Amino acid sequence: MKKILGTLSLVSLLQTYPVIAQAKTTEQLPVTSADYIQKVINANLITNSPDGQFYPDRLISRAELASILVKAFRLEKRLAAQQKNVIFIADVPNSHPAYQDIRTVLKTDIMKGYRGNMFFPNQKITRAEGLAIFAQAYGVFQFPNDTVNEILTAHPDAEAIPTWARKAIATVVSEEFINTDSQGNINPLRPMNRGDMAYVLSKYLQRQQKQPETPVVLGVPQL
């Protein structure tokens, strides 16, 4: 299936809406298993805290998301092929731990800043934002609207997904990268935490693993 990176409508809307109201849910999404978490730790995509704990319920900031995406998608290689002008970020000094990663996601258009060259590195993200930006790096499938609606209809809270995020979230749903609660709700307006991101990344890593080749059976013609 063909993927088209960086749709202008998506990144523009991500820039336009810096804060989204967070919906309250009566049920927490399932905490990801130790296997998922260990997989992303082994891949060095998310690290434990200095005390050795992962803290899956800890919320993800925009700066953290930038660093995760640079590692997961090796965005520095995309950047090397683009040769864009230097970007000034008013609220991210060059001493910031994620300074280079933030510059990279901005230059590759995976994430957008806000007016006044602001990035708001400490701002927490919703699941809709995190999933949409992840899809932006992965490659948003250009499904027609009818297909997007069909994919999302299976989830009871599909109507809560912001319009600008529907195509991107349909992409991660179709690729089975997304965790839901026991009723199948996506909870797009709930804050995204480290456990959520660990699940998405572990599924992405699983997709990147080489699939076993079909064994050759003697006497059986190969198609």
Protein backbone atom coordinates (compact mmCIF):
# COMPACT_ATOMS: atom_id res chain seq x y z
CA MET A 1 0.00 0.00 0.00
CA LYS A 2 1.35 3.37 -1.01
CA LYS A 3 2.21 5.81 1.75
CA ILE A 4 2.59 9.56 1.29
CA LEU A 5 4.62 11.34 3.95
CA GLY A 6 3.85 14.73 5.42
CA THR A 7 0.44 15.82 4.20
CA LEU A 8 0.31 19.59 4.45
CA SER A 9 -3.22 19.60 5.85
CA LEU A 10 -2.25 17.43 8.79
CA VAL A 11 0.86 19.33 9.83
CA SER A 12 -0.87 22.68 9.36
CA LEU A 13 -3.73 21.65 11.64
CA LEU A 14 -1.32 20.27 14.20
CA GLN A 15 0.23 23.73 14.22
CA THR A 16 -3.13 25.49 14.52
CA TYR A 17 -4.36 23.61 17.58
CA PRO A 18 -1.69 23.68 20.32
CA VAL A 19 -4.05 22.61 23.08
CA ILE A 20 -6.95 20.17 22.90
CA ALA A 21 -9.44 19.64 25.70
CA GLN A 22 -8.88 16.29 27.34
CA ALA A 23 -11.89 14.00 27.61
CA LYS A 24 -12.50 12.16 30.83
CA THR A 25 -12.92 8.42 30.53
CA THR A 26 -14.31 6.00 33.07
CA GLU A 27 -11.91 3.24 32.06
CA GLN A 28 -8.16 3.39 31.79
CA LEU A 29 -6.52 1.87 28.75
CA PRO A 30 -4.76 -1.37 29.58
CA VAL A 31 -1.19 -0.97 30.80
CA THR A 32 1.17 -2.44 28.26
CA SER A 33 2.84 -5.67 29.19
CA ALA A 34 6.45 -5.94 30.26
CA ASP A 35 7.22 -7.57 26.90
CA TYR A 36 6.16 -4.45 24.96
CA ILE A 37 8.05 -2.18 27.27
CA GLN A 38 11.20 -4.29 27.25
CA LYS A 39 11.14 -4.38 23.48
CA VAL A 40 11.30 -0.58 23.16
CA ILE A 41 13.90 -0.35 25.92
CA ASN A 42 16.08 -2.88 24.11
CA ALA A 43 15.72 -0.83 20.93
CA ASN A 44 16.71 2.30 22.90
CA LEU A 45 13.59 4.14 21.71
CA ILE A 46 12.41 4.91 25.25
CA THR A 47 14.66 4.55 28.28
CA ASN A 48 13.97 3.90 31.93
CA SER A 49 14.10 6.75 34.41
CA PRO A 50 17.35 7.21 36.39
CA ASP A 51 15.90 5.05 39.18
CA GLY A 52 15.51 2.14 36.75
CA GLN A 53 11.70 2.34 36.55
CA PHE A 54 9.75 2.80 33.30
CA TYR A 55 6.65 4.57 34.70
CA PRO A 56 4.18 3.67 31.91
CA ASP A 57 1.55 6.13 33.24
CA ARG A 58 3.88 9.12 32.94
CA LEU A 59 2.68 11.54 30.26
CA ILE A 60 4.63 12.23 27.06
CA SER A 61 5.78 15.77 26.22
CA ARG A 62 6.37 17.22 22.77
CA ALA A 63 10.13 17.19 23.35
CA GLU A 64 10.06 13.52 24.36
CA LEU A 65 7.97 12.64 21.33
CA ALA A 66 10.46 14.42 19.07
CA SER A 67 13.36 12.38 20.45
CA ILE A 68 11.43 9.12 20.17
CA LEU A 69 10.51 9.73 16.54
CA VAL A 70 14.05 10.71 15.54
CA LYS A 71 15.31 7.39 16.93
CA ALA A 72 12.46 5.21 15.65
CA PHE A 73 12.48 6.53 12.08
CA ARG A 74 16.12 7.62 11.84
CA LEU A 75 14.95 11.06 10.82
CA GLU A 76 18.49 12.42 10.68
CA LYS A 77 18.88 10.46 7.42
CA ARG A 78 15.82 12.16 5.94
CA LEU A 79 17.19 15.48 7.11
CA ALA A 80 20.52 14.88 5.38
CA ALA A 81 18.71 14.54 2.07
CA GLN A 82 16.71 17.77 2.41
CA GLN A 83 19.15 20.64 3.07
CA LYS A 84 16.66 23.00 4.73
CA ASN A 85 17.59 26.33 6.27
CA VAL A 86 18.46 26.56 9.96
CA ILE A 87 15.38 26.87 12.13
CA PHE A 88 15.30 29.25 15.12
CA ILE A 89 13.27 27.96 18.07
CA ALA A 90 12.52 30.72 20.57
CA ASP A 91 11.67 28.50 23.56
CA VAL A 92 14.23 25.70 23.04
CA PRO A 93 17.79 26.80 23.85
CA ASN A 94 20.66 24.84 22.36
CA SER A 95 21.38 23.53 25.86
CA HIS A 96 18.05 21.65 25.89
CA PRO A 97 18.59 17.85 25.87
CA ALA A 98 16.23 17.44 22.90
CA TYR A 99 17.44 20.50 20.98
CA GLN A 100 18.85 18.61 17.99
CA ASP A 101 15.89 16.21 17.86
CA ILE A 102 13.41 19.09 17.90
CA ARG A 103 15.28 20.79 15.06
CA THR A 104 15.17 17.52 13.12
CA VAL A 105 11.41 16.96 13.46
CA LEU A 106 10.78 20.57 12.48
CA LYS A 107 13.05 20.43 9.45
CA THR A 108 11.52 17.17 8.24
CA ASP A 109 7.98 18.52 8.84
CA ILE A 110 7.12 15.62 11.12
CA MET A 111 6.16 18.12 13.81
CA LYS A 112 5.34 21.81 13.60
CA GLY A 113 6.06 24.78 15.80
CA TYR A 114 3.64 27.54 16.71
CA ARG A 115 3.54 31.23 15.96
CA GLY A 116 6.51 33.18 17.16
CA ASN A 117 8.86 30.25 16.53
CA MET A 118 7.60 28.51 19.67
CA PHE A 119 7.68 24.73 20.11
CA PHE A 120 6.35 24.30 23.67
CA PRO A 121 8.66 21.36 24.43
CA ASN A 122 7.10 20.61 27.83
CA GLN A 123 3.50 20.58 26.60
CA LYS A 124 1.85 17.19 27.02
CA ILE A 125 0.21 15.58 24.01
CA THR A 126 -3.14 13.88 23.56
CA ARG A 127 -3.43 10.43 22.04
CA ALA A 128 -4.87 12.01 18.88
CA GLU A 129 -1.83 14.26 18.56
CA GLY A 130 0.68 11.52 19.37
CA LEU A 131 -0.87 8.98 17.01
CA ALA A 132 -1.27 11.52 14.21
CA ILE A 133 2.34 12.69 14.50
CA PHE A 134 3.54 9.07 14.64
CA ALA A 135 1.59 8.40 11.43
CA GLN A 136 3.16 11.49 9.91
CA ALA A 137 6.59 9.95 10.43
CA TYR A 138 5.46 6.48 9.39
CA GLY A 139 3.59 7.65 6.31
CA VAL A 140 -0.10 8.54 6.21
CA PHE A 141 -2.12 6.20 4.00
CA GLN A 142 -4.13 8.26 1.56
CA PHE A 143 -7.41 6.47 2.17
CA PRO A 144 -10.54 8.03 0.68
CA ASN A 145 -12.92 9.44 3.28
CA ASP A 146 -15.33 6.53 2.97
CA THR A 147 -12.54 4.08 3.79
CA VAL A 148 -11.38 6.21 6.73
CA ASN A 149 -14.92 6.22 8.13
CA GLU A 150 -15.25 2.47 7.61
CA ILE A 151 -11.99 1.78 9.46
CA LEU A 152 -12.85 4.03 12.39
CA THR A 153 -16.52 3.02 12.72
CA ALA A 154 -15.50 -0.14 14.58
CA HIS A 155 -14.48 2.07 17.53
CA PRO A 156 -17.37 3.43 19.65
CA ASP A 157 -15.72 6.81 20.25
CA ALA A 158 -14.68 7.42 16.63
CA GLU A 159 -16.73 10.62 16.54
CA ALA A 160 -14.43 12.10 19.19
CA ILE A 161 -11.44 11.94 16.85
CA PRO A 162 -10.64 15.46 15.59
CA THR A 163 -11.27 15.86 11.87
CA TRP A 164 -7.62 16.71 11.16
CA ALA A 165 -6.46 13.45 12.77
CA ARG A 166 -8.92 10.97 11.25
CA LYS A 167 -6.89 9.92 8.22
CA ALA A 168 -3.69 9.58 10.26
CA ILE A 169 -5.40 7.58 13.01
CA ALA A 170 -7.06 5.37 10.38
CA THR A 171 -3.52 4.60 9.23
CA VAL A 172 -2.32 3.42 12.64
CA VAL A 173 -5.56 1.50 13.19
CA SER A 174 -5.21 -0.30 9.85
CA GLU A 175 -1.61 -1.18 10.73
CA GLU A 176 -2.72 -2.46 14.17
CA PHE A 177 -0.34 -0.13 15.98
CA ILE A 178 -2.92 1.22 18.42
CA ASN A 179 -4.05 0.10 21.87
CA THR A 180 -7.70 0.47 22.90
CA ASP A 181 -9.72 -0.18 26.02
CA SER A 182 -11.89 -3.28 26.47
CA GLN A 183 -14.76 -1.66 24.56
CA GLY A 184 -12.52 -0.78 21.63
CA ASN A 185 -12.41 2.95 22.42
CA ILE A 186 -9.43 4.89 21.07
CA ASN A 187 -9.75 7.70 23.64
CA PRO A 188 -8.24 10.28 21.26
CA LEU A 189 -8.52 13.22 23.66
CA ARG A 190 -6.96 11.45 26.61
CA PRO A 191 -3.33 12.38 27.37
CA MET A 192 -0.81 9.99 25.84
CA ASN A 193 1.49 8.24 28.29
CA ARG A 194 4.70 6.23 28.01
CA GLY A 195 2.80 2.95 28.08
CA ASP A 196 0.69 4.03 25.09
CA MET A 197 3.78 4.96 23.14
CA ALA A 198 5.55 1.74 24.12
CA TYR A 199 2.67 -0.24 22.63
CA VAL A 200 2.73 1.71 19.35
CA LEU A 201 6.51 1.42 19.05
CA SER A 202 6.56 -2.29 19.89
CA LYS A 203 4.03 -2.99 17.14
CA TYR A 204 6.05 -0.87 14.74
CA LEU A 205 9.25 -2.73 15.65
CA GLN A 206 7.45 -6.03 15.13
CA ARG A 207 6.44 -4.88 11.65
CA GLN A 208 10.06 -4.06 10.83
CA GLN A 209 11.29 -7.55 11.69
CA LYS A 210 12.09 -9.72 8.71
CA GLN A 211 9.33 -12.22 8.12
CA PRO A 212 10.32 -15.89 7.81
CA GLU A 213 10.65 -17.08 4.25
CA THR A 214 8.23 -19.70 2.95
CA PRO A 215 10.03 -23.05 3.08
CA VAL A 216 10.73 -24.76 -0.21
CA VAL A 217 9.11 -28.20 -0.38
CA LEU A 218 10.65 -30.55 -2.90
CA GLY A 219 8.26 -31.67 -5.60
CA VAL A 220 5.89 -28.73 -5.07
CA PRO A 221 5.98 -26.12 -7.85
CA GLN A 222 6.81 -22.61 -6.60
CA LEU A 223 4.50 -19.77 -7.68
